[in-house]
Protein backbone atom coordinates (compact mmCIF):
# COMPACT_ATOMS: atom_id res chain seq x y z
CA MET A 1 -11.31 -16.74 -6.69
CA ASN A 2 -10.89 -20.40 -9.17
CA LYS A 3 -7.75 -21.55 -9.04
CA LYS A 4 -7.74 -21.69 -12.86
CA HIS A 5 -7.63 -17.56 -12.60
CA LEU A 6 -4.86 -18.10 -10.29
CA ALA A 7 -2.95 -20.41 -12.21
CA LEU A 8 -3.09 -17.78 -15.43
CA LEU A 9 -2.15 -15.26 -13.18
CA PHE A 10 1.09 -17.05 -11.65
CA LEU A 11 1.70 -18.08 -15.50
CA ILE A 12 1.24 -14.83 -17.13
CA ALA A 13 3.45 -12.71 -14.34
CA PHE A 14 6.27 -15.37 -14.84
CA LEU A 15 6.07 -15.35 -18.85
CA THR A 16 5.95 -11.50 -18.65
CA MET A 17 9.28 -11.01 -16.92
CA LEU A 18 11.18 -14.18 -17.67
CA GLY A 19 11.80 -12.37 -21.42
CA PHE A 20 13.25 -9.52 -19.22
CA GLY A 21 15.28 -11.90 -17.28
CA ILE A 22 16.75 -13.60 -20.31
CA ILE A 23 17.88 -9.94 -21.86
CA ILE A 24 19.73 -9.31 -17.83
CA PRO A 25 23.03 -10.88 -18.88
CA ILE A 26 23.26 -10.46 -22.42
CA MET A 27 22.14 -6.60 -22.51
CA PRO A 28 25.54 -4.89 -21.32
CA PHE A 29 27.48 -6.85 -23.76
CA PHE A 30 24.86 -6.16 -26.63
CA ALA A 31 25.19 -2.55 -25.93
CA GLU A 32 29.15 -2.97 -26.00
CA LYS A 33 29.19 -4.77 -29.19
CA LEU A 34 27.44 -1.63 -30.93
CA GLY A 35 29.78 0.97 -29.25
CA ALA A 36 27.61 2.03 -26.08
CA SER A 37 29.86 2.97 -23.21
CA SER A 38 29.02 2.19 -19.08
CA PHE A 39 27.62 5.39 -19.15
CA ASP A 40 25.19 4.95 -21.91
CA LEU A 41 24.70 1.36 -20.84
CA GLY A 42 23.42 2.89 -17.45
CA ILE A 43 21.06 5.57 -19.86
CA LEU A 44 19.92 2.69 -21.16
CA PHE A 45 18.53 1.18 -18.13
CA ALA A 46 17.44 4.58 -16.54
CA SER A 47 15.29 5.51 -19.72
CA PHE A 48 13.33 1.98 -19.29
CA ASN A 49 12.74 3.14 -15.56
CA ILE A 50 11.93 6.67 -16.33
CA MET A 51 9.09 5.66 -18.87
CA GLN A 52 7.63 2.97 -16.19
CA PHE A 53 7.31 5.67 -13.58
CA ILE A 54 5.69 8.09 -15.61
CA PHE A 55 3.34 5.49 -17.64
CA ALA A 56 2.26 3.34 -15.09
CA PRO A 57 -0.13 5.58 -13.36
CA ILE A 58 -1.34 6.46 -16.56
CA TRP A 59 -1.99 3.29 -17.88
CA GLY A 60 -3.68 2.15 -14.34
CA SER A 61 -6.17 4.72 -14.17
CA LEU A 62 -7.14 3.76 -17.94
CA SER A 63 -7.64 0.21 -16.80
CA ASP A 64 -9.96 1.51 -14.39
CA ARG A 65 -12.07 2.75 -17.23
CA ILE A 66 -11.93 0.01 -20.23
CA GLY A 67 -10.83 -2.73 -17.89
CA ARG A 68 -7.87 -4.95 -17.32
CA LYS A 69 -7.76 -7.55 -19.91
CA PRO A 70 -7.08 -4.55 -23.09
CA LEU A 71 -4.32 -3.13 -21.06
CA VAL A 72 -2.50 -6.36 -20.20
CA SER A 73 -3.02 -7.45 -23.98
CA PHE A 74 -1.25 -3.83 -25.45
CA GLY A 75 1.58 -4.07 -22.93
CA LEU A 76 2.77 -7.56 -23.80
CA LEU A 77 2.64 -7.05 -27.52
CA GLY A 78 4.10 -3.66 -27.36
CA PHE A 79 6.45 -5.66 -25.27
CA ALA A 80 7.23 -8.63 -28.23
CA ILE A 81 7.73 -5.63 -30.47
CA THR A 82 10.21 -3.57 -29.38
CA PHE A 83 12.31 -6.56 -27.72
CA ILE A 84 12.40 -7.72 -31.55
CA LEU A 85 13.66 -4.53 -32.79
CA PHE A 86 15.83 -4.17 -29.95
CA GLY A 87 17.70 -7.33 -31.30
CA LEU A 88 17.75 -5.80 -34.77
CA ALA A 89 19.26 -2.01 -33.83
CA GLU A 90 22.44 -1.73 -35.51
CA SER A 91 23.04 1.54 -33.43
CA TYR A 92 23.32 3.02 -30.09
CA THR A 93 20.78 5.31 -30.90
CA GLU A 94 18.08 3.02 -32.04
CA MET A 95 19.22 0.65 -29.04
CA LEU A 96 17.44 4.39 -26.61
CA ILE A 97 14.77 4.65 -28.87
CA TYR A 98 13.29 1.24 -28.52
CA ARG A 99 14.41 0.85 -24.67
CA ILE A 100 12.24 4.15 -24.28
CA LEU A 101 9.43 2.89 -25.98
CA GLY A 102 9.63 -0.64 -24.16
CA GLY A 103 9.34 1.38 -20.78
CA ILE A 104 6.27 3.15 -21.93
CA VAL A 105 4.07 -0.17 -23.24
CA SER A 106 5.68 -2.36 -20.94
CA ALA A 107 4.29 -0.17 -17.75
CA ALA A 108 1.16 -1.05 -18.80
CA SER A 109 1.40 -4.76 -18.18
CA LEU A 110 2.91 -5.88 -14.60
CA PRO A 111 0.60 -3.15 -12.76
CA THR A 112 -2.35 -4.49 -14.48
CA VAL A 113 -1.39 -7.78 -13.75
CA HIS A 114 -1.64 -6.86 -9.61
CA ALA A 115 -4.78 -4.75 -10.40
CA MET A 116 -6.18 -7.69 -11.34
CA VAL A 117 -4.96 -9.82 -8.19
CA ALA A 118 -6.85 -6.97 -6.44
CA ASP A 119 -10.01 -7.02 -8.35
CA LEU A 120 -10.25 -11.18 -7.90
CA PHE A 121 -8.94 -11.57 -4.41
CA PRO A 122 -11.07 -10.19 -1.31
CA PRO A 123 -9.09 -8.11 0.93
CA LYS A 124 -8.43 -11.19 3.71
CA GLU A 125 -6.58 -13.29 1.04
CA ARG A 126 -4.94 -10.47 -1.27
CA ALA A 127 -1.47 -11.09 0.11
CA LYS A 128 -1.64 -14.71 -0.89
CA GLY A 129 -3.02 -13.38 -4.55
CA MET A 130 0.32 -10.99 -4.46
CA GLY A 131 2.52 -13.43 -3.17
CA ILE A 132 1.26 -15.82 -6.09
CA VAL A 133 1.77 -13.37 -8.78
CA GLY A 134 5.24 -12.36 -7.20
CA ALA A 135 6.46 -16.08 -7.18
CA GLY A 136 6.21 -16.06 -10.68
CA ILE A 137 8.03 -13.10 -11.06
CA GLY A 138 10.63 -14.51 -8.84
CA LEU A 139 11.01 -17.80 -10.67
CA SER A 140 11.30 -16.05 -14.13
CA PHE A 141 14.61 -14.31 -12.63
CA VAL A 142 15.81 -17.65 -11.64
CA PHE A 143 15.32 -19.21 -15.06
CA GLY A 144 15.83 -16.36 -17.28
CA PRO A 145 19.27 -15.48 -16.90
CA VAL A 146 20.12 -18.92 -17.18
CA ILE A 147 18.36 -19.04 -20.46
CA GLY A 148 19.84 -15.86 -21.88
CA GLY A 149 23.44 -16.71 -21.06
CA LEU A 150 22.65 -20.17 -23.50
CA LEU A 151 20.77 -18.96 -26.02
CA SER A 152 23.86 -15.84 -25.89
CA GLY A 153 25.87 -18.42 -27.79
CA TYR A 154 24.11 -18.82 -30.85
CA GLY A 155 24.21 -14.90 -31.20
CA VAL A 156 23.78 -11.65 -29.10
CA ALA A 157 20.75 -10.90 -30.72
CA VAL A 158 19.31 -14.30 -29.99
CA PRO A 159 18.00 -14.12 -26.47
CA PHE A 160 16.59 -10.54 -27.65
CA PHE A 161 14.48 -12.37 -30.44
CA VAL A 162 13.39 -15.39 -27.50
CA SER A 163 12.09 -12.83 -25.45
CA GLY A 164 10.00 -10.88 -28.23
CA GLY A 165 8.46 -14.83 -28.96
CA VAL A 166 7.84 -15.22 -25.04
CA ALA A 167 5.98 -11.68 -25.07
CA LEU A 168 4.33 -12.67 -28.18
CA LEU A 169 3.20 -16.26 -26.38
CA THR A 170 2.12 -14.21 -23.44
CA PHE A 171 0.14 -11.96 -25.56
CA PHE A 172 -2.13 -14.59 -26.58
CA VAL A 173 -2.83 -16.45 -23.19
CA ILE A 174 -3.94 -13.58 -21.99
CA LEU A 175 -6.18 -12.69 -25.40
CA PHE A 176 -7.61 -16.70 -25.51
CA ALA A 177 -7.86 -17.85 -21.91
CA LEU A 178 -7.72 -14.90 -19.04
CA PRO A 179 -10.92 -13.30 -18.80
CA GLU A 180 -11.72 -9.62 -17.57
CA SER A 181 -11.39 -9.05 -13.82
CA LEU A 182 -13.43 -5.75 -13.58
CA PRO A 183 -16.84 -5.76 -14.57
CA LYS A 184 -18.55 -3.04 -16.56
CA GLU A 185 -20.93 -2.05 -13.69
CA LYS A 186 -17.75 -1.51 -11.70
CA ARG A 187 -16.08 0.69 -14.10
CA SER A 188 -18.58 3.70 -14.27
CA HIS A 189 -17.64 4.78 -11.11
CA ALA A 190 -13.53 4.25 -11.85
CA GLN A 191 -14.53 6.88 -14.94
CA LYS A 192 -14.61 10.14 -12.80
CA ARG A 193 -11.17 9.58 -11.58
CA SER A 194 -8.10 10.62 -12.93
CA ALA A 195 -4.21 9.48 -12.54
CA PRO A 196 -2.55 11.03 -9.87
CA ASN A 197 0.67 12.38 -9.61
CA PRO A 198 2.86 9.47 -8.65
CA PHE A 199 4.76 12.28 -6.15
CA ASN A 200 1.48 12.66 -4.29
CA ALA A 201 0.87 8.95 -2.80
CA LEU A 202 4.05 10.12 -0.86
CA PHE A 203 2.04 12.99 0.97
CA GLY A 204 -1.53 10.60 1.30
CA PRO A 205 -2.53 8.80 4.27
CA LEU A 206 -0.91 5.63 2.62
CA ALA A 207 2.42 7.77 2.82
CA LEU A 208 4.16 5.16 4.78
CA LEU A 209 3.33 1.98 2.62
CA TYR A 210 4.87 3.95 -0.38
CA THR A 211 7.90 4.96 1.15
CA ILE A 212 8.70 1.78 2.58
CA LEU A 213 8.32 0.40 -0.93
CA PHE A 214 10.35 3.11 -2.88
CA VAL A 215 13.24 2.18 0.12
CA VAL A 216 13.23 -1.14 -0.64
CA SER A 217 13.60 -0.38 -4.16
CA PHE A 218 16.30 1.90 -3.72
CA ALA A 219 18.30 0.18 -1.14
CA PHE A 220 18.12 -3.21 -2.81
CA SER A 221 18.88 -1.63 -6.56
CA GLY A 222 22.11 0.55 -4.87
CA LEU A 223 23.29 -3.62 -4.00
CA GLU A 224 22.15 -4.92 -7.10
CA THR A 225 24.60 -2.37 -9.01
CA THR A 226 27.69 -2.36 -6.59
CA PHE A 227 27.66 -6.14 -5.06
CA ALA A 228 29.88 -7.93 -7.82
CA LEU A 229 32.32 -5.26 -8.00
CA TYR A 230 32.50 -5.99 -4.38
CA ILE A 231 32.59 -9.87 -4.28
CA SER A 232 34.99 -9.44 -7.43
CA ASP A 233 37.02 -6.43 -5.81
CA LEU A 234 37.94 -8.18 -2.21
CA TYR A 235 37.46 -11.68 -2.37
CA GLY A 236 37.68 -12.47 -6.61
CA PHE A 237 34.52 -14.31 -6.82
CA ASN A 238 33.02 -14.23 -10.37
CA SER A 239 30.25 -13.88 -12.20
CA ARG A 240 29.46 -17.55 -12.05
CA ASP A 241 29.66 -17.49 -8.18
CA LEU A 242 27.12 -14.26 -8.69
CA GLY A 243 24.79 -16.21 -10.11
CA TYR A 244 24.47 -19.44 -7.63
CA MET A 245 23.88 -17.17 -5.35
CA PHE A 246 21.21 -14.93 -6.73
CA LEU A 247 19.83 -18.59 -8.05
CA ILE A 248 19.67 -19.03 -4.18
CA MET A 249 18.22 -15.65 -3.56
CA GLY A 250 15.45 -16.09 -6.21
CA ILE A 251 14.49 -19.68 -5.16
CA ILE A 252 14.10 -18.47 -1.71
CA ALA A 253 11.82 -15.73 -2.62
CA ALA A 254 9.74 -17.42 -4.96
CA PHE A 255 8.97 -19.91 -2.26
CA VAL A 256 8.43 -17.70 0.17
CA GLN A 257 5.89 -15.58 -1.85
CA GLY A 258 4.39 -18.58 -3.28
CA GLY A 259 4.10 -21.30 -0.59
CA MET A 260 4.12 -19.25 2.62
CA ILE A 261 2.93 -15.77 2.57
CA GLY A 262 -0.64 -17.06 2.98
CA LYS A 263 0.11 -19.04 6.19
CA MET A 264 2.23 -16.23 7.46
CA VAL A 265 -0.63 -13.50 6.99
CA ASN A 266 -2.67 -16.04 8.50
CA ARG A 267 -1.09 -16.37 11.55
CA TRP A 268 0.24 -13.02 12.14
CA GLY A 269 -1.29 -10.98 9.75
CA GLU A 270 0.46 -8.13 7.13
CA GLY A 271 1.70 -5.59 9.31
CA LYS A 272 3.92 -8.19 11.37
CA VAL A 273 5.11 -10.17 8.41
CA LEU A 274 5.95 -6.67 6.80
CA PHE A 275 7.94 -5.53 9.61
CA ILE A 276 9.92 -8.60 9.94
CA GLY A 277 10.63 -8.78 6.20
CA MET A 278 12.19 -4.91 6.70
CA CYS A 279 14.21 -6.49 9.36
CA LEU A 280 15.54 -9.55 7.42
CA TYR A 281 16.48 -6.99 4.47
CA GLY A 282 18.43 -4.71 7.50
CA ILE A 283 20.03 -7.80 8.99
CA GLY A 284 21.34 -8.64 5.54
CA PHE A 285 22.50 -4.99 4.18
CA PHE A 286 24.37 -4.84 7.90
CA THR A 287 25.89 -8.50 7.58
CA ILE A 288 27.59 -7.79 3.88
CA PRO A 289 30.63 -5.81 5.07
CA VAL A 290 31.16 -8.37 8.00
CA SER A 291 31.08 -11.68 5.31
CA GLY A 292 33.82 -13.09 3.10
CA ASN A 293 32.91 -16.25 1.93
CA PHE A 294 30.63 -17.92 -0.54
CA TRP A 295 28.46 -19.47 1.69
CA ALA A 296 27.88 -16.58 3.87
CA PHE A 297 27.41 -14.38 0.95
CA SER A 298 24.81 -16.69 -0.46
CA LEU A 299 22.60 -17.27 3.40
CA ILE A 300 22.47 -13.23 3.41
CA LEU A 301 21.14 -12.97 -0.65
CA ALA A 302 18.70 -15.62 0.77
CA LEU A 303 17.90 -13.35 3.73
CA PHE A 304 16.88 -10.79 0.92
CA GLY A 305 15.41 -13.66 -0.75
CA ALA A 306 13.02 -14.22 2.27
CA GLY A 307 12.86 -10.43 3.29
CA GLN A 308 11.35 -9.26 -0.56
CA GLY A 309 8.84 -11.84 -0.31
CA MET A 310 7.37 -10.87 2.54
CA ILE A 311 7.69 -7.26 2.03
CA ARG A 312 6.17 -6.67 -1.55
CA ALA A 313 3.32 -9.03 -1.18
CA THR A 314 1.95 -7.57 1.92
CA ALA A 315 3.13 -3.90 1.59
CA ASN A 316 0.89 -4.40 -2.04
CA ALA A 317 -1.55 -5.92 -0.50
CA MET A 318 -2.03 -3.29 2.63
CA ILE A 319 -2.19 -0.75 0.19
CA THR A 320 -4.84 -2.53 -2.32
CA GLN A 321 -6.94 -3.01 0.47
CA ARG A 322 -7.34 0.94 1.53
CA THR A 323 -7.28 2.80 -1.59
CA THR A 324 -9.51 5.15 -2.12
CA LEU A 325 -8.63 4.96 -5.97
CA GLY A 326 -9.05 2.64 -8.62
CA GLN A 327 -6.85 -0.68 -8.38
CA GLY A 328 -5.18 0.57 -11.69
CA VAL A 329 -4.30 4.10 -10.55
CA THR A 330 -3.01 2.43 -7.30
CA THR A 331 -0.71 -0.53 -8.74
CA GLY A 332 0.44 1.86 -11.05
CA ALA A 333 1.52 4.54 -8.28
CA ILE A 334 2.82 1.21 -6.46
CA SER A 335 4.99 0.70 -9.55
CA SER A 336 6.26 4.17 -10.08
CA MET A 337 7.61 4.31 -6.75
CA ASP A 338 9.65 1.08 -7.34
CA SER A 339 10.66 2.46 -10.75
CA LEU A 340 11.93 5.58 -9.24
CA GLY A 341 13.75 3.22 -6.77
CA ARG A 342 15.81 1.84 -9.38
CA ILE A 343 16.37 5.01 -11.00
CA LEU A 344 18.03 6.54 -8.14
CA GLY A 345 19.47 3.33 -6.61
CA PRO A 346 21.84 2.74 -8.78
CA LEU A 347 23.21 6.24 -9.45
CA ALA A 348 23.61 6.38 -5.37
CA GLY A 349 24.98 3.14 -4.68
CA GLY A 350 27.89 3.50 -7.53
CA ALA A 351 28.63 6.80 -6.00
CA VAL A 352 29.04 6.09 -2.89
CA TYR A 353 30.82 2.92 -4.14
CA GLN A 354 33.55 5.33 -5.10
CA PHE A 355 34.42 6.28 -1.52
CA THR A 356 34.11 3.11 0.46
CA ALA A 357 33.40 -0.60 -0.89
CA SER A 358 30.63 -0.76 1.83
CA GLY A 359 29.08 2.51 1.91
CA PRO A 360 25.94 1.12 -0.44
CA PHE A 361 25.15 -1.47 1.88
CA ILE A 362 25.75 0.57 4.89
CA LEU A 363 23.43 3.20 3.27
CA GLY A 364 20.89 0.56 2.72
CA GLY A 365 20.85 -0.86 6.38
CA VAL A 366 20.94 2.49 7.61
CA LEU A 367 17.58 3.30 5.33
CA MET A 368 15.88 0.15 6.51
CA VAL A 369 16.58 0.72 10.21
CA ILE A 370 14.74 4.49 9.65
CA VAL A 371 11.73 2.80 7.86
CA LEU A 372 11.51 -0.35 10.35
CA PHE A 373 11.17 2.76 13.39
CA TRP A 374 8.86 4.94 11.40
CA PHE A 375 6.32 2.06 10.30
CA HIS A 376 6.73 0.32 14.15
CA SER A 377 5.74 4.13 15.46
CA ARG A 378 3.11 5.01 12.25
CA HIS A 379 1.37 1.74 11.58
CA GLN A 380 -1.57 1.98 13.67
CA ARG A 381 -2.47 5.36 12.29
CA LEU A 382 -3.29 3.90 8.76
CA PRO A 383 -6.80 3.46 7.17
CA GLU A 384 -8.69 0.61 8.32
CA PRO A 385 -8.83 -1.79 5.51
CA SER A 386 -12.30 -0.82 2.74
CA VAL A 387 -14.69 -3.33 2.01
CA GLU A 388 -15.25 -2.18 -1.44
CA ALA A 389 -11.39 -1.81 -2.09
């Protein structure tokens, strides 16, 4: 694995998600402008994740048969087109159609980038590679919302056009600079495999790791949905305060994934780093209800940033090291579990918040304690890493 490949994967991950980060603060206002209600907005977000949940393993299986580069290129080109069409939408129905299409095509890009990491990094170095890609994603969510907020001053549709342009730029970077990571001789074996039902992953030998990724996504998505309401309703913080808090979290997550994961794994191993990350998540959830000032909340989100960096890089690496399926299918299943959490988490978080404001955070903490004990008692039963994985 050379530094050029590593830098390209970092750049592609960053640019791929930068466009998505740009539209995060704008989507609600754009939808409202076209007459969408808060429920309609929820459907827009859910539809995207549902499509990713369904299609990520399908595209992953296809990438095992025809190679990674065609799928990443297809995903980015489709992403660019749907961004631009969304900016041109004149009704909620059009927005929903383009959002669904965006979820379908984008499911081909980022999971396949993770499959490329699995192709290019030997098992012992894979957590470092996953961390570098994760750092690119983390930085995109640091800078994306800031750029989106600035661009919205020129018109609410402008961020979508710029996001489309960024995705198109990434498409050309992939087309001309990124080499194929899956040689043809390795595809013939992958052709015999079919895309698994992502639910089946929950009942296989790697069920523990897939479940951890689902629970982390579910719990944190519930926090993302309700945290702004919580700090506003109880303590009077505004969107700017929230932006600074998440900026701190994003920087910490990028630093941990990009600069520390490799060293931590070399010293302690993936399992221990994953355990520490889950502990940080649990502490973060349980301390939100007993905090009440800007710096306390910022510190808590910093814990989430560090924990996120540890959990995602190590869990992804551990799964891809032990899979008996193609890396495309595997990273597609990982993406599906993440998407499922992002579908159900906001629904559960919003429902619990109606009964008690601190409920979503207590729920998240309890879930983390459960998977912590499960991992502690069962991680030694995980399959041994495969030399061929």
